Amino acid sequence: MTKFKSPLLVGTTAAMLFAASLAPMGQAAPATKAPAKKAPAKKPAGNAGKVVLQLKLPKPAFMGTPKAIPPGTTVDKSSLGKHRGAFFVPAGLTNVAAGKPVTSSDERPIIGSLPLVTDGDKEATDGSWVTLAPGKQWVQIDLKKAYTIYAIVVWHYHGEARIYRDVVVQVADDPDFITNVHTVFNADLHNQLGLGIGKDRDYFESNEGKLIDAKGVKGRYVRLYSNGNTSDDENNYTEVEVYGK
């Protein structure tokens, strides 16, 4: 039975013989170097030992990016049309707000009910959000015990690219927000809510929600304020997630 050599083996052998013929008498042919291996991707500085926060996002409800930024808002133009990057957190976090009780400054919402805020439904479809009265309003989540909180994600209403005004998010130990109050986000540039002048920027709603870095603050209660939006004066809340342990 005739045996055939692999073309790859023949070619490799020929290359080695050719290299040997070029080497000076008495010297071995130079060894062929193996391709260098790529170094594994490194996490950004300060994120050693952390993992990427995995979020289950709702379906996008509109296409494209806003062409104009409404006057009087502080949206960062450079962020338009870009997806949010990876957000690193300690391992083992869960959404500690899931199914937790919700109260509000508006005890009789115009549309929907307060439990919708923590029911896990983030879609921009009818029946998924609660609508509060116009003006300054808030929703509050009782986590039932104190947690170390690293991220808060809020979806107001992402059926269109609107901006909610004077968004402020706070964490506290008590339901009246007197003890150990931490402001983790404040886009109230003109102090309309009386909670201090904010330095954070306004943002357009999208299916990604607004992810807020809570920086490991501790607390039991989470309160989210808004003051109408650029489409109407109402305040909508589809879902709020709080990641901690």
Protein backbone atom coordinates (compact mmCIF):
# COMPACT_ATOMS: atom_id res chain seq x y z
CA MET A 1 0.00 0.00 0.00
CA THR A 2 1.50 3.38 -1.02
CA LYS A 3 1.74 5.96 1.76
CA PHE A 4 1.41 9.68 0.99
CA LYS A 5 3.07 12.40 3.05
CA SER A 6 1.11 15.42 4.13
CA PRO A 7 1.83 18.52 1.95
CA LEU A 8 2.23 20.50 5.17
CA LEU A 9 4.89 18.08 6.43
CA VAL A 10 6.73 18.11 3.10
CA GLY A 11 6.68 21.91 2.96
CA THR A 12 7.90 22.23 6.54
CA THR A 13 10.74 19.75 5.94
CA ALA A 14 11.83 21.58 2.79
CA ALA A 15 11.87 24.90 4.62
CA MET A 16 14.07 23.44 7.35
CA LEU A 17 16.53 21.98 4.83
CA PHE A 18 16.68 25.30 2.98
CA ALA A 19 17.38 27.20 6.21
CA ALA A 20 20.10 24.69 7.08
CA SER A 21 21.78 25.17 3.68
CA LEU A 22 22.03 28.92 4.32
CA ALA A 23 23.68 28.53 7.73
CA PRO A 24 27.50 28.71 7.90
CA MET A 25 29.33 25.36 8.07
CA GLY A 26 29.31 23.96 11.58
CA GLN A 27 26.43 26.14 12.79
CA ALA A 28 22.88 25.00 13.35
CA ALA A 29 20.04 26.64 11.48
CA PRO A 30 18.17 29.28 13.51
CA ALA A 31 15.15 27.93 15.36
CA THR A 32 11.73 28.99 14.16
CA LYS A 33 9.89 31.06 16.82
CA ALA A 34 6.32 30.15 17.75
CA PRO A 35 3.72 32.94 17.35
CA ALA A 36 3.49 35.10 20.47
CA LYS A 37 0.38 34.53 22.57
CA LYS A 38 -1.93 37.47 23.18
CA ALA A 39 -2.05 38.68 26.77
CA PRO A 40 -5.45 38.31 28.44
CA ALA A 41 -7.55 41.46 28.58
CA LYS A 42 -6.99 43.42 31.75
CA LYS A 43 -9.70 45.05 33.82
CA PRO A 44 -9.49 48.81 34.26
CA ALA A 45 -7.41 49.94 37.22
CA GLY A 46 -9.26 49.64 40.51
CA ASN A 47 -11.53 46.82 39.35
CA ALA A 48 -9.38 43.87 40.40
CA GLY A 49 -11.51 41.14 41.91
CA LYS A 50 -14.74 42.63 40.55
CA VAL A 51 -17.17 41.34 37.94
CA VAL A 52 -19.31 43.01 35.28
CA LEU A 53 -22.83 43.81 36.46
CA GLN A 54 -25.15 41.74 34.28
CA LEU A 55 -28.47 43.43 33.52
CA LYS A 56 -31.42 41.97 31.65
CA LEU A 57 -32.57 44.83 29.45
CA PRO A 58 -36.05 45.33 27.99
CA LYS A 59 -36.61 45.58 24.26
CA PRO A 60 -35.79 48.93 22.61
CA ALA A 61 -39.00 50.88 22.02
CA PHE A 62 -37.65 53.37 19.48
CA MET A 63 -34.86 53.56 16.92
CA GLY A 64 -32.19 56.18 16.37
CA THR A 65 -30.84 58.91 18.61
CA PRO A 66 -32.29 62.34 19.48
CA LYS A 67 -31.31 65.00 16.96
CA ALA A 68 -31.86 67.95 19.27
CA ILE A 69 -31.26 68.46 22.97
CA PRO A 70 -34.11 70.33 24.65
CA PRO A 71 -33.10 73.80 25.90
CA GLY A 72 -32.46 74.09 29.60
CA THR A 73 -31.19 70.51 29.97
CA THR A 74 -27.64 69.34 30.67
CA VAL A 75 -27.40 66.23 28.48
CA ASP A 76 -23.83 65.30 27.52
CA LYS A 77 -23.76 65.51 23.70
CA SER A 78 -20.81 63.11 23.50
CA SER A 79 -22.93 60.34 25.04
CA LEU A 80 -25.64 60.40 22.36
CA GLY A 81 -25.90 57.22 20.31
CA LYS A 82 -23.46 55.31 22.52
CA HIS A 83 -24.17 52.21 24.55
CA ARG A 84 -23.24 52.10 28.20
CA GLY A 85 -19.91 50.43 28.91
CA ALA A 86 -19.23 47.62 31.37
CA PHE A 87 -19.84 48.46 35.03
CA PHE A 88 -17.77 46.52 37.55
CA VAL A 89 -19.10 45.52 40.96
CA PRO A 90 -18.13 43.07 43.72
CA ALA A 91 -19.19 39.50 43.02
CA GLY A 92 -22.35 38.11 44.58
CA LEU A 93 -24.69 41.09 44.19
CA THR A 94 -28.42 40.61 43.67
CA ASN A 95 -31.34 42.91 42.93
CA VAL A 96 -32.41 43.46 46.53
CA ALA A 97 -35.35 45.64 45.43
CA ALA A 98 -37.16 42.84 43.59
CA GLY A 99 -40.70 42.50 44.90
CA LYS A 100 -40.11 44.94 47.76
CA PRO A 101 -42.88 47.35 48.88
CA VAL A 102 -43.11 50.79 47.26
CA THR A 103 -44.61 54.01 48.63
CA SER A 104 -44.90 57.43 47.01
CA SER A 105 -45.60 61.11 47.51
CA ASP A 106 -48.62 60.48 45.25
CA GLU A 107 -50.80 57.97 47.08
CA ARG A 108 -53.24 57.72 44.16
CA PRO A 109 -51.31 57.30 40.90
CA ILE A 110 -52.97 58.47 37.70
CA ILE A 111 -52.12 55.23 35.90
CA GLY A 112 -51.01 51.88 37.27
CA SER A 113 -50.03 50.92 40.79
CA LEU A 114 -46.88 51.30 42.88
CA PRO A 115 -45.95 47.57 42.99
CA LEU A 116 -45.14 47.89 39.26
CA VAL A 117 -41.92 49.68 40.26
CA THR A 118 -40.35 46.47 41.59
CA ASP A 119 -42.24 43.73 39.75
CA GLY A 120 -39.47 42.92 37.26
CA ASP A 121 -41.33 44.14 34.15
CA LYS A 122 -39.17 46.76 32.42
CA GLU A 123 -40.87 46.81 29.02
CA ALA A 124 -42.25 50.03 27.51
CA THR A 125 -45.69 48.51 27.02
CA ASP A 126 -49.06 49.46 28.48
CA GLY A 127 -49.50 48.19 32.00
CA SER A 128 -45.77 48.17 32.78
CA TRP A 129 -45.41 51.57 34.47
CA VAL A 130 -47.00 53.78 37.09
CA THR A 131 -47.80 57.44 36.38
CA LEU A 132 -47.70 59.96 39.22
CA ALA A 133 -49.26 63.42 39.28
CA PRO A 134 -47.47 66.41 37.70
CA GLY A 135 -44.84 68.36 39.59
CA LYS A 136 -42.38 67.22 42.23
CA GLN A 137 -42.95 63.57 43.12
CA TRP A 138 -41.04 60.58 44.46
CA VAL A 139 -41.23 56.82 44.83
CA GLN A 140 -39.60 55.00 47.73
CA ILE A 141 -38.55 51.37 48.13
CA ASP A 142 -38.26 49.62 51.49
CA LEU A 143 -35.52 46.99 51.11
CA LYS A 144 -36.68 45.49 54.45
CA LYS A 145 -33.16 45.63 55.87
CA ALA A 146 -29.97 47.61 55.35
CA TYR A 147 -27.74 46.61 52.45
CA THR A 148 -24.43 47.77 51.06
CA ILE A 149 -25.55 49.21 47.72
CA TYR A 150 -23.30 49.42 44.67
CA ALA A 151 -25.68 50.22 41.80
CA ILE A 152 -29.20 51.54 41.26
CA VAL A 153 -30.86 51.30 37.84
CA VAL A 154 -34.04 53.22 37.01
CA TRP A 155 -36.36 53.10 34.01
CA HIS A 156 -38.86 55.97 34.02
CA TYR A 157 -40.57 55.54 30.63
CA HIS A 158 -38.43 54.57 27.64
CA GLY A 159 -41.13 54.49 24.98
CA GLU A 160 -39.56 57.65 23.54
CA ALA A 161 -36.39 59.68 23.99
CA ARG A 162 -37.57 62.01 26.74
CA ILE A 163 -35.69 63.59 29.65
CA TYR A 164 -37.03 63.53 33.21
CA ARG A 165 -36.37 66.73 35.09
CA ASP A 166 -34.62 67.18 38.44
CA VAL A 167 -33.87 63.50 38.97
CA VAL A 168 -32.45 62.85 42.44
CA VAL A 169 -31.75 59.47 44.07
CA GLN A 170 -31.10 59.07 47.79
CA VAL A 171 -30.46 56.21 50.24
CA ALA A 172 -31.24 56.41 53.97
CA ASP A 173 -31.71 54.35 57.14
CA ASP A 174 -35.23 55.59 57.91
CA PRO A 175 -38.41 56.09 55.85
CA ASP A 176 -38.49 59.84 56.58
CA PHE A 177 -34.99 60.33 55.17
CA ILE A 178 -33.54 61.98 58.24
CA THR A 179 -30.91 59.48 59.37
CA ASN A 180 -27.77 58.67 57.40
CA VAL A 181 -29.03 60.16 54.12
CA HIS A 182 -26.80 59.65 51.06
CA THR A 183 -27.44 61.43 47.76
CA VAL A 184 -26.06 59.14 45.06
CA PHE A 185 -27.39 61.10 42.06
CA ASN A 186 -28.55 64.70 41.68
CA ALA A 187 -29.39 66.34 38.35
CA ASP A 188 -31.42 69.15 39.95
CA LEU A 189 -29.29 72.01 38.65
CA HIS A 190 -31.47 74.77 40.11
CA ASN A 191 -32.37 73.11 43.43
CA GLN A 192 -36.05 72.86 42.51
CA LEU A 193 -36.54 70.04 45.01
CA GLY A 194 -34.73 71.78 47.86
CA LEU A 195 -32.21 68.95 48.22
CA GLY A 196 -29.21 70.93 47.06
CA ILE A 197 -27.80 71.97 43.69
CA GLY A 198 -26.98 68.91 41.60
CA LYS A 199 -23.82 68.32 39.60
CA ASP A 200 -24.97 65.29 37.60
CA ARG A 201 -26.22 65.61 34.03
CA ASP A 202 -29.66 65.06 32.58
CA TYR A 203 -30.05 62.05 30.30
CA PHE A 204 -32.37 60.67 27.63
CA GLU A 205 -34.47 57.65 28.53
CA SER A 206 -33.60 54.42 26.73
CA ASN A 207 -34.09 50.70 27.22
CA GLU A 208 -30.73 50.58 29.01
CA GLY A 209 -32.13 52.56 31.93
CA LYS A 210 -30.03 54.94 33.99
CA LEU A 211 -27.32 53.13 35.96
CA ILE A 212 -26.22 55.03 39.05
CA ASP A 213 -22.99 54.25 40.88
CA ALA A 214 -23.98 54.04 44.55
CA LYS A 215 -20.35 53.53 45.63
CA GLY A 216 -21.14 51.04 48.38
CA VAL A 217 -23.35 53.25 50.56
CA LYS A 218 -25.38 51.48 53.23
CA GLY A 219 -29.09 51.92 53.82
CA ARG A 220 -32.53 50.36 53.89
CA TYR A 221 -34.64 52.88 51.97
CA VAL A 222 -34.16 54.15 48.41
CA ARG A 223 -36.04 57.25 47.23
CA LEU A 224 -36.16 58.54 43.65
CA TYR A 225 -37.40 62.05 42.79
CA SER A 226 -38.49 63.60 39.50
CA ASN A 227 -40.29 66.75 38.40
CA GLY A 228 -42.06 66.04 35.13
CA ASN A 229 -40.31 65.50 31.81
CA THR A 230 -39.69 67.12 28.45
CA SER A 231 -42.83 65.56 26.92
CA ASP A 232 -45.34 66.36 29.68
CA ASP A 233 -45.52 67.23 33.38
CA GLU A 234 -46.16 63.70 34.62
CA ASN A 235 -43.76 61.39 36.45
CA ASN A 236 -43.46 57.80 35.28
CA TYR A 237 -41.68 54.83 36.83
CA THR A 238 -41.41 51.52 35.02
CA GLU A 239 -38.82 49.72 37.16
CA VAL A 240 -36.13 50.31 39.76
CA GLU A 241 -33.40 47.79 40.52
CA VAL A 242 -31.02 48.04 43.47
CA TYR A 243 -27.89 45.88 43.48
CA GLY A 244 -26.31 45.17 46.82
CA LYS A 245 -25.54 42.58 49.48
